[in-house]
Amino acid sequence: MDQPLEVEHEDGIVTARLNRPQALNAISSAMAEALCSLLDDVAGRRDARVLVLTGAGERAFSAGADLKERRTMTPAELWAHSRKIHRACDLLELLPQPVICAIRGYCLGGGLELALAADIRVAAENSEFGFPEMTLGAFPGSGGPVRLPRVVGAAWAKEILLTARRVGALEARERGLVHYVVPAAEVDTRAREIARRILGVSPLGARAVKQIVNRGIAMSTEEATALANALRQPLEATKDYQEGLRAHFEKRAPRFIGE
């Protein structure tokens, strides 16, 4: 049986591919568990600088939770499945390393919740986004109603959630839901281009900036500034900061080591 998650490590970039294309990469319990296990591992790895999350095949990044699997679950099992997907989304958002989501085709329900937990989203022109849960007697249960308004604003988030409509790639870019829209054949290339640009900056600085933005948005200006100062000052005593200064004056690319 194919693994529900394919993982590749190359030159500081970890690529995680949701691998159930025959089921539109629907998130089974096994897939959610595998993703959580990977994220726990990546979080502690210094050689992992960027994570790219994508889906196998051309039809879908992920159509959401596996409804066929859920159909036979007890209420307790349903809730446990939802919690696994929710944990995967939380781990993605809290991952110290930057996360790029490369999207083709359907990005619905739990799939969209995974994408919203990423830092940068690249979408194919054929992508479709939405939350169909409202047509199933529930609502998105893995952070969608929390993260979506923080990305697109409360007004558009309520309209998308309450109507359960599909949003195309161009509208998604217009609303700020995705950063880039490219032809399907170029999605992986663009995601890796962004990943390589991130490899060129300070890994310690990148981790700190992600934390400041994620945490600071819910803080007062004074609290966020204090957090930024607390994270910024130690960087000036690192080997990477000294390397950055040397590289600047030697007019070359810095060779950061994360120390």
C-alpha atoms as a PDB file:
ATOM      1  CA  MET A   1       0.000   0.000   0.000  1.00  0.00           C
ATOM      2  CA  ASP A   2       1.250   3.472  -0.857  1.00  0.00           C
ATOM      3  CA  GLN A   3       2.247   5.697   2.023  1.00  0.00           C
ATOM      4  CA  PRO A   4      -0.320   8.458   2.695  1.00  0.00           C
ATOM      5  CA  LEU A   5       2.518  10.966   2.899  1.00  0.00           C
ATOM      6  CA  GLU A   6       5.630  11.112   0.716  1.00  0.00           C
ATOM      7  CA  VAL A   7       8.611  12.995   2.112  1.00  0.00           C
ATOM      8  CA  GLU A   8      11.781  14.223   0.414  1.00  0.00           C
ATOM      9  CA  HIS A   9      14.779  16.011   1.944  1.00  0.00           C
ATOM     10  CA  GLU A  10      17.060  17.991  -0.339  1.00  0.00           C
ATOM     11  CA  ASP A  11      19.459  20.844   0.430  1.00  0.00           C
ATOM     12  CA  GLY A  12      17.548  22.141   3.439  1.00  0.00           C
ATOM     13  CA  ILE A  13      14.123  21.856   1.771  1.00  0.00           C
ATOM     14  CA  VAL A  14      11.687  19.247   3.059  1.00  0.00           C
ATOM     15  CA  THR A  15       8.878  18.405   0.636  1.00  0.00           C
ATOM     16  CA  ALA A  16       5.817  16.664   2.073  1.00  0.00           C
ATOM     17  CA  ARG A  17       3.321  15.363  -0.482  1.00  0.00           C
ATOM     18  CA  LEU A  18      -0.202  14.282   0.468  1.00  0.00           C
ATOM     19  CA  ASN A  19      -0.294  10.968  -1.373  1.00  0.00           C
ATOM     20  CA  ARG A  20      -3.825   9.733  -1.990  1.00  0.00           C
ATOM     21  CA  PRO A  21      -4.468  11.102  -5.485  1.00  0.00           C
ATOM     22  CA  GLN A  22      -7.110   8.471  -6.215  1.00  0.00           C
ATOM     23  CA  ALA A  23      -9.136   9.957  -3.328  1.00  0.00           C
ATOM     24  CA  LEU A  24      -8.322  13.605  -4.160  1.00  0.00           C
ATOM     25  CA  ASN A  25      -5.794  13.477  -1.314  1.00  0.00           C
ATOM     26  CA  ALA A  26      -8.597  13.265   1.247  1.00  0.00           C
ATOM     27  CA  ILE A  27      -7.171  13.405   4.754  1.00  0.00           C
ATOM     28  CA  SER A  28      -7.515   9.989   6.364  1.00  0.00           C
ATOM     29  CA  SER A  29      -6.598   9.289   9.974  1.00  0.00           C
ATOM     30  CA  ALA A  30      -3.384   7.663   8.760  1.00  0.00           C
ATOM     31  CA  MET A  31      -2.472  10.704   6.670  1.00  0.00           C
ATOM     32  CA  ALA A  32      -3.129  13.114   9.546  1.00  0.00           C
ATOM     33  CA  GLU A  33      -1.028  10.989  11.895  1.00  0.00           C
ATOM     34  CA  ALA A  34       1.815  10.787   9.372  1.00  0.00           C
ATOM     35  CA  LEU A  35       1.752  14.545   8.850  1.00  0.00           C
ATOM     36  CA  CYS A  36       1.810  15.234  12.597  1.00  0.00           C
ATOM     37  CA  SER A  37       4.736  12.815  13.034  1.00  0.00           C
ATOM     38  CA  LEU A  38       6.662  14.513  10.232  1.00  0.00           C
ATOM     39  CA  LEU A  39       6.056  17.997  11.624  1.00  0.00           C
ATOM     40  CA  ASP A  40       7.207  16.922  15.076  1.00  0.00           C
ATOM     41  CA  ASP A  41      10.412  15.637  13.473  1.00  0.00           C
ATOM     42  CA  VAL A  42      11.028  18.644  11.211  1.00  0.00           C
ATOM     43  CA  ALA A  43      10.547  21.110  14.071  1.00  0.00           C
ATOM     44  CA  GLY A  44      13.663  19.783  15.801  1.00  0.00           C
ATOM     45  CA  ARG A  45      15.911  19.500  12.748  1.00  0.00           C
ATOM     46  CA  ARG A  46      18.510  22.190  12.073  1.00  0.00           C
ATOM     47  CA  ASP A  47      19.123  20.826   8.580  1.00  0.00           C
ATOM     48  CA  ALA A  48      15.477  21.458   7.639  1.00  0.00           C
ATOM     49  CA  ARG A  49      15.205  25.110   6.657  1.00  0.00           C
ATOM     50  CA  VAL A  50      11.925  25.222   4.694  1.00  0.00           C
ATOM     51  CA  LEU A  51       8.911  22.912   4.350  1.00  0.00           C
ATOM     52  CA  VAL A  52       6.977  22.660   1.081  1.00  0.00           C
ATOM     53  CA  LEU A  53       3.561  21.005   1.463  1.00  0.00           C
ATOM     54  CA  THR A  54       1.805  19.811  -1.685  1.00  0.00           C
ATOM     55  CA  GLY A  55      -0.534  17.129  -3.011  1.00  0.00           C
ATOM     56  CA  ALA A  56       0.064  14.228  -5.396  1.00  0.00           C
ATOM     57  CA  GLY A  57      -1.579  14.381  -8.811  1.00  0.00           C
ATOM     58  CA  GLU A  58      -3.135  17.260 -10.690  1.00  0.00           C
ATOM     59  CA  ARG A  59      -6.743  17.105  -9.482  1.00  0.00           C
ATOM     60  CA  ALA A  60      -6.406  18.189  -5.871  1.00  0.00           C
ATOM     61  CA  PHE A  61      -4.146  19.500  -3.162  1.00  0.00           C
ATOM     62  CA  SER A  62      -6.720  17.989  -0.809  1.00  0.00           C
ATOM     63  CA  ALA A  63     -10.500  17.771  -0.960  1.00  0.00           C
ATOM     64  CA  GLY A  64     -10.639  17.742   2.854  1.00  0.00           C
ATOM     65  CA  ALA A  65     -11.316  15.072   5.447  1.00  0.00           C
ATOM     66  CA  ASP A  66     -11.925  11.561   4.136  1.00  0.00           C
ATOM     67  CA  LEU A  67     -15.729  11.391   4.211  1.00  0.00           C
ATOM     68  CA  LYS A  68     -15.784   7.718   3.219  1.00  0.00           C
ATOM     69  CA  GLU A  69     -13.732   6.889   6.281  1.00  0.00           C
ATOM     70  CA  ARG A  70     -15.808   9.194   8.455  1.00  0.00           C
ATOM     71  CA  ARG A  71     -19.062   7.648   7.264  1.00  0.00           C
ATOM     72  CA  THR A  72     -18.488   4.518   9.365  1.00  0.00           C
ATOM     73  CA  MET A  73     -17.095   6.259  12.453  1.00  0.00           C
ATOM     74  CA  THR A  74     -18.774   6.631  15.815  1.00  0.00           C
ATOM     75  CA  PRO A  75     -19.213  10.167  17.181  1.00  0.00           C
ATOM     76  CA  ALA A  76     -16.132   9.643  19.359  1.00  0.00           C
ATOM     77  CA  GLU A  77     -14.108   8.457  16.375  1.00  0.00           C
ATOM     78  CA  LEU A  78     -15.321  11.394  14.292  1.00  0.00           C
ATOM     79  CA  TRP A  79     -14.140  13.833  16.920  1.00  0.00           C
ATOM     80  CA  ALA A  80     -10.785  12.046  17.253  1.00  0.00           C
ATOM     81  CA  HIS A  81     -10.305  12.281  13.468  1.00  0.00           C
ATOM     82  CA  SER A  82     -11.128  15.984  13.533  1.00  0.00           C
ATOM     83  CA  ARG A  83      -8.645  16.529  16.372  1.00  0.00           C
ATOM     84  CA  LYS A  84      -5.876  14.845  14.365  1.00  0.00           C
ATOM     85  CA  ILE A  85      -6.425  17.212  11.432  1.00  0.00           C
ATOM     86  CA  HIS A  86      -6.650  20.158  13.815  1.00  0.00           C
ATOM     87  CA  ARG A  87      -3.355  19.160  15.424  1.00  0.00           C
ATOM     88  CA  ALA A  88      -1.702  18.933  11.999  1.00  0.00           C
ATOM     89  CA  CYS A  89      -2.879  22.476  11.205  1.00  0.00           C
ATOM     90  CA  ASP A  90      -1.631  23.791  14.538  1.00  0.00           C
ATOM     91  CA  LEU A  91       1.754  22.106  14.091  1.00  0.00           C
ATOM     92  CA  LEU A  92       2.066  23.629  10.622  1.00  0.00           C
ATOM     93  CA  GLU A  93       1.386  27.117  11.934  1.00  0.00           C
ATOM     94  CA  LEU A  94       3.712  26.653  14.904  1.00  0.00           C
ATOM     95  CA  LEU A  95       6.493  24.994  12.927  1.00  0.00           C
ATOM     96  CA  PRO A  96       9.642  27.077  13.481  1.00  0.00           C
ATOM     97  CA  GLN A  97      10.577  26.838   9.800  1.00  0.00           C
ATOM     98  CA  PRO A  98       8.698  28.710   7.053  1.00  0.00           C
ATOM     99  CA  VAL A  99       6.027  26.642   5.280  1.00  0.00           C
ATOM    100  CA  ILE A 100       5.118  27.002   1.596  1.00  0.00           C
ATOM    101  CA  CYS A 101       1.928  25.388   0.327  1.00  0.00           C
ATOM    102  CA  ALA A 102       1.884  24.391  -3.368  1.00  0.00           C
ATOM    103  CA  ILE A 103      -1.724  23.937  -4.516  1.00  0.00           C
ATOM    104  CA  ARG A 104      -3.254  22.387  -7.628  1.00  0.00           C
ATOM    105  CA  GLY A 105      -6.947  21.640  -8.135  1.00  0.00           C
ATOM    106  CA  TYR A 106      -9.317  21.284  -5.194  1.00  0.00           C
ATOM    107  CA  CYS A 107      -8.313  22.827  -1.876  1.00  0.00           C
ATOM    108  CA  LEU A 108     -11.398  22.287   0.241  1.00  0.00           C
ATOM    109  CA  GLY A 109     -12.402  21.807   3.860  1.00  0.00           C
ATOM    110  CA  GLY A 110      -9.533  20.364   5.875  1.00  0.00           C
ATOM    111  CA  GLY A 111      -7.271  20.820   2.865  1.00  0.00           C
ATOM    112  CA  LEU A 112      -7.895  24.556   2.913  1.00  0.00           C
ATOM    113  CA  GLU A 113      -7.347  24.566   6.661  1.00  0.00           C
ATOM    114  CA  LEU A 114      -3.904  23.029   6.118  1.00  0.00           C
ATOM    115  CA  ALA A 115      -3.159  25.651   3.469  1.00  0.00           C
ATOM    116  CA  LEU A 116      -4.258  28.493   5.755  1.00  0.00           C
ATOM    117  CA  ALA A 117      -1.796  27.277   8.384  1.00  0.00           C
ATOM    118  CA  ALA A 118       1.083  27.696   5.912  1.00  0.00           C
ATOM    119  CA  ASP A 119       3.051  30.928   5.572  1.00  0.00           C
ATOM    120  CA  ILE A 120       3.081  31.289   1.775  1.00  0.00           C
ATOM    121  CA  ARG A 121       0.597  29.820  -0.716  1.00  0.00           C
ATOM    122  CA  VAL A 122       1.247  29.207  -4.421  1.00  0.00           C
ATOM    123  CA  ALA A 123      -1.804  28.128  -6.439  1.00  0.00           C
ATOM    124  CA  ALA A 124      -2.381  26.754  -9.913  1.00  0.00           C
ATOM    125  CA  GLU A 125      -4.790  28.545 -12.209  1.00  0.00           C
ATOM    126  CA  ASN A 126      -7.192  25.590 -11.902  1.00  0.00           C
ATOM    127  CA  SER A 127      -7.334  25.706  -8.099  1.00  0.00           C
ATOM    128  CA  GLU A 128     -10.634  25.926  -6.232  1.00  0.00           C
ATOM    129  CA  PHE A 129     -11.015  26.891  -2.599  1.00  0.00           C
ATOM    130  CA  GLY A 130     -13.912  26.538  -0.205  1.00  0.00           C
ATOM    131  CA  PHE A 131     -15.468  25.117   2.926  1.00  0.00           C
ATOM    132  CA  PRO A 132     -18.257  22.612   2.096  1.00  0.00           C
ATOM    133  CA  GLU A 133     -18.744  21.669   5.752  1.00  0.00           C
ATOM    134  CA  MET A 134     -21.685  24.045   6.079  1.00  0.00           C
ATOM    135  CA  THR A 135     -23.597  21.859   3.604  1.00  0.00           C
ATOM    136  CA  LEU A 136     -22.908  18.784   5.760  1.00  0.00           C
ATOM    137  CA  GLY A 137     -24.497  20.020   8.969  1.00  0.00           C
ATOM    138  CA  ALA A 138     -21.324  21.293  10.645  1.00  0.00           C
ATOM    139  CA  PHE A 139     -18.639  23.929  10.094  1.00  0.00           C
ATOM    140  CA  PRO A 140     -14.869  23.748   9.486  1.00  0.00           C
ATOM    141  CA  GLY A 141     -13.434  22.207  12.622  1.00  0.00           C
ATOM    142  CA  SER A 142      -9.664  22.546  12.241  1.00  0.00           C
ATOM    143  CA  GLY A 143      -9.194  26.279  12.519  1.00  0.00           C
ATOM    144  CA  GLY A 144     -10.824  27.515   9.308  1.00  0.00           C
ATOM    145  CA  PRO A 145     -13.177  30.071  10.890  1.00  0.00           C
ATOM    146  CA  VAL A 146     -10.251  31.343  13.000  1.00  0.00           C
ATOM    147  CA  ARG A 147      -7.501  31.569  10.385  1.00  0.00           C
ATOM    148  CA  LEU A 148      -9.539  32.599   7.334  1.00  0.00           C
ATOM    149  CA  PRO A 149     -10.597  36.042   8.683  1.00  0.00           C
ATOM    150  CA  ARG A 150      -7.000  36.721   9.698  1.00  0.00           C
ATOM    151  CA  VAL A 151      -5.969  36.161   6.090  1.00  0.00           C
ATOM    152  CA  VAL A 152      -8.823  37.702   4.060  1.00  0.00           C
ATOM    153  CA  GLY A 153     -10.616  39.832   6.656  1.00  0.00           C
ATOM    154  CA  ALA A 154     -13.791  39.133   8.613  1.00  0.00           C
ATOM    155  CA  ALA A 155     -16.267  40.292   5.979  1.00  0.00           C
ATOM    156  CA  TRP A 156     -14.988  38.073   3.165  1.00  0.00           C
ATOM    157  CA  ALA A 157     -14.401  35.177   5.556  1.00  0.00           C
ATOM    158  CA  LYS A 158     -18.047  35.223   6.658  1.00  0.00           C
ATOM    159  CA  GLU A 159     -19.275  35.391   3.075  1.00  0.00           C
ATOM    160  CA  ILE A 160     -17.128  32.434   1.991  1.00  0.00           C
ATOM    161  CA  LEU A 161     -17.999  30.365   5.054  1.00  0.00           C
ATOM    162  CA  LEU A 162     -21.729  31.107   5.165  1.00  0.00           C
ATOM    163  CA  THR A 163     -22.376  30.514   1.470  1.00  0.00           C
ATOM    164  CA  ALA A 164     -20.059  27.472   1.201  1.00  0.00           C
ATOM    165  CA  ARG A 165     -19.239  28.654  -2.320  1.00  0.00           C
ATOM    166  CA  ARG A 166     -16.123  27.795  -4.302  1.00  0.00           C
ATOM    167  CA  VAL A 167     -13.529  30.486  -4.858  1.00  0.00           C
ATOM    168  CA  GLY A 168     -11.368  30.365  -7.974  1.00  0.00           C
ATOM    169  CA  ALA A 169      -7.629  30.982  -8.033  1.00  0.00           C
ATOM    170  CA  LEU A 170      -7.793  34.553  -9.362  1.00  0.00           C
ATOM    171  CA  GLU A 171     -10.353  35.639  -6.778  1.00  0.00           C
ATOM    172  CA  ALA A 172      -8.318  33.874  -4.101  1.00  0.00           C
ATOM    173  CA  ARG A 173      -5.308  35.980  -5.063  1.00  0.00           C
ATOM    174  CA  GLU A 174      -7.433  39.135  -5.159  1.00  0.00           C
ATOM    175  CA  ARG A 175      -8.696  38.441  -1.638  1.00  0.00           C
ATOM    176  CA  GLY A 176      -5.218  37.651  -0.336  1.00  0.00           C
ATOM    177  CA  LEU A 177      -5.961  33.974   0.200  1.00  0.00           C
ATOM    178  CA  VAL A 178      -3.000  32.989  -1.986  1.00  0.00           C
ATOM    179  CA  HIS A 179       0.173  34.867  -2.843  1.00  0.00           C
ATOM    180  CA  TYR A 180       0.836  33.623  -6.379  1.00  0.00           C
ATOM    181  CA  VAL A 181      -1.250  32.100  -9.194  1.00  0.00           C
ATOM    182  CA  VAL A 182       0.700  30.288 -11.908  1.00  0.00           C
ATOM    183  CA  PRO A 183       0.014  27.616 -14.546  1.00  0.00           C
ATOM    184  CA  ALA A 184      -0.357  24.165 -12.995  1.00  0.00           C
ATOM    185  CA  ALA A 185       2.907  22.975 -14.533  1.00  0.00           C
ATOM    186  CA  GLU A 186       4.792  25.772 -12.770  1.00  0.00           C
ATOM    187  CA  VAL A 187       3.437  25.399  -9.219  1.00  0.00           C
ATOM    188  CA  ASP A 188       6.219  23.185  -7.874  1.00  0.00           C
ATOM    189  CA  THR A 189       8.875  25.261  -9.619  1.00  0.00           C
ATOM    190  CA  ARG A 190       7.576  28.521  -8.131  1.00  0.00           C
ATOM    191  CA  ALA A 191       7.310  26.978  -4.667  1.00  0.00           C
ATOM    192  CA  ARG A 192      10.918  25.795  -4.848  1.00  0.00           C
ATOM    193  CA  GLU A 193      12.066  29.189  -6.130  1.00  0.00           C
ATOM    194  CA  ILE A 194      10.549  30.789  -3.033  1.00  0.00           C
ATOM    195  CA  ALA A 195      12.058  28.078  -0.826  1.00  0.00           C
ATOM    196  CA  ARG A 196      15.513  28.715  -2.273  1.00  0.00           C
ATOM    197  CA  ARG A 197      15.163  32.450  -1.637  1.00  0.00           C
ATOM    198  CA  ILE A 198      14.351  31.637   1.997  1.00  0.00           C
ATOM    199  CA  LEU A 199      17.469  29.450   2.121  1.00  0.00           C
ATOM    200  CA  GLY A 200      19.461  32.598   1.359  1.00  0.00           C
ATOM    201  CA  VAL A 201      18.367  34.439   4.500  1.00  0.00           C
ATOM    202  CA  SER A 202      19.304  33.860   8.119  1.00  0.00           C
ATOM    203  CA  PRO A 203      17.567  30.696   9.408  1.00  0.00           C
ATOM    204  CA  LEU A 204      17.501  32.084  12.944  1.00  0.00           C
ATOM    205  CA  GLY A 205      16.087  35.368  11.668  1.00  0.00           C
ATOM    206  CA  ALA A 206      13.450  33.578   9.595  1.00  0.00           C
ATOM    207  CA  ARG A 207      12.274  31.570  12.584  1.00  0.00           C
ATOM    208  CA  ALA A 208      12.117  34.692  14.739  1.00  0.00           C
ATOM    209  CA  VAL A 209      10.195  36.712  12.137  1.00  0.00           C
ATOM    210  CA  LYS A 210       7.636  33.937  11.689  1.00  0.00           C
ATOM    211  CA  GLN A 211       7.101  33.857  15.457  1.00  0.00           C
ATOM    212  CA  ILE A 212       6.781  37.638  15.706  1.00  0.00           C
ATOM    213  CA  VAL A 213       4.178  37.826  12.936  1.00  0.00           C
ATOM    214  CA  ASN A 214       2.160  34.831  14.139  1.00  0.00           C
ATOM    215  CA  ARG A 215       2.120  35.846  17.786  1.00  0.00           C
ATOM    216  CA  GLY A 216       2.318  39.598  17.408  1.00  0.00           C
ATOM    217  CA  ILE A 217      -0.915  39.892  15.426  1.00  0.00           C
ATOM    218  CA  ALA A 218      -2.870  39.077  18.603  1.00  0.00           C
ATOM    219  CA  MET A 219      -0.804  41.408  20.816  1.00  0.00           C
ATOM    220  CA  SER A 220      -0.794  45.107  21.489  1.00  0.00           C
ATOM    221  CA  THR A 221       1.892  47.119  19.713  1.00  0.00           C
ATOM    222  CA  GLU A 222       3.830  47.363  22.970  1.00  0.00           C
ATOM    223  CA  GLU A 223       3.680  43.613  23.610  1.00  0.00           C
ATOM    224  CA  ALA A 224       4.629  42.747  20.037  1.00  0.00           C
ATOM    225  CA  THR A 225       7.549  45.188  20.133  1.00  0.00           C
ATOM    226  CA  ALA A 226       8.781  43.661  23.379  1.00  0.00           C
ATOM    227  CA  LEU A 227       8.620  40.209  21.798  1.00  0.00           C
ATOM    228  CA  ALA A 228      10.508  41.445  18.747  1.00  0.00           C
ATOM    229  CA  ASN A 229      13.229  42.957  20.925  1.00  0.00           C
ATOM    230  CA  ALA A 230      13.534  39.767  22.958  1.00  0.00           C
ATOM    231  CA  LEU A 231      13.985  37.711  19.801  1.00  0.00           C
ATOM    232  CA  ARG A 232      16.194  40.220  17.971  1.00  0.00           C
ATOM    233  CA  GLN A 233      18.857  41.014  20.548  1.00  0.00           C
ATOM    234  CA  PRO A 234      20.313  37.471  20.872  1.00  0.00           C
ATOM    235  CA  LEU A 235      20.800  37.278  17.098  1.00  0.00           C
ATOM    236  CA  GLU A 236      23.566  39.890  17.256  1.00  0.00           C
ATOM    237  CA  ALA A 237      25.699  37.475  19.297  1.00  0.00           C
ATOM    238  CA  THR A 238      25.432  34.608  16.803  1.00  0.00           C
ATOM    239  CA  LYS A 239      27.985  33.248  14.347  1.00  0.00           C
ATOM    240  CA  ASP A 240      25.461  33.845  11.579  1.00  0.00           C
ATOM    241  CA  TYR A 241      25.296  37.566  12.329  1.00  0.00           C
ATOM    242  CA  GLN A 242      29.062  37.851  12.129  1.00  0.00           C
ATOM    243  CA  GLU A 243      29.003  35.855   8.888  1.00  0.00           C
ATOM    244  CA  GLY A 244      26.320  38.149   7.493  1.00  0.00           C
ATOM    245  CA  LEU A 245      28.447  41.209   8.228  1.00  0.00           C
ATOM    246  CA  ARG A 246      31.550  39.639   6.664  1.00  0.00           C
ATOM    247  CA  ALA A 247      29.604  38.591   3.571  1.00  0.00           C
ATOM    248  CA  HIS A 248      28.195  42.093   3.188  1.00  0.00           C
ATOM    249  CA  PHE A 249      31.612  43.749   3.158  1.00  0.00           C
ATOM    250  CA  GLU A 250      33.172  40.965   1.076  1.00  0.00           C
ATOM    251  CA  LYS A 251      30.333  41.341  -1.445  1.00  0.00           C
ATOM    252  CA  ARG A 252      29.386  37.657  -1.456  1.00  0.00           C
ATOM    253  CA  ALA A 253      26.448  35.488  -0.458  1.00  0.00           C
ATOM    254  CA  PRO A 254      26.469  34.596   3.261  1.00  0.00           C
ATOM    255  CA  ARG A 255      26.945  30.988   4.369  1.00  0.00           C
ATOM    256  CA  PHE A 256      24.605  30.660   7.326  1.00  0.00           C
ATOM    257  CA  ILE A 257      24.822  27.645   9.645  1.00  0.00           C
ATOM    258  CA  GLY A 258      21.994  28.393  12.075  1.00  0.00           C
ATOM    259  CA  GLU A 259      24.250  29.230  15.019  1.00  0.00           C
END
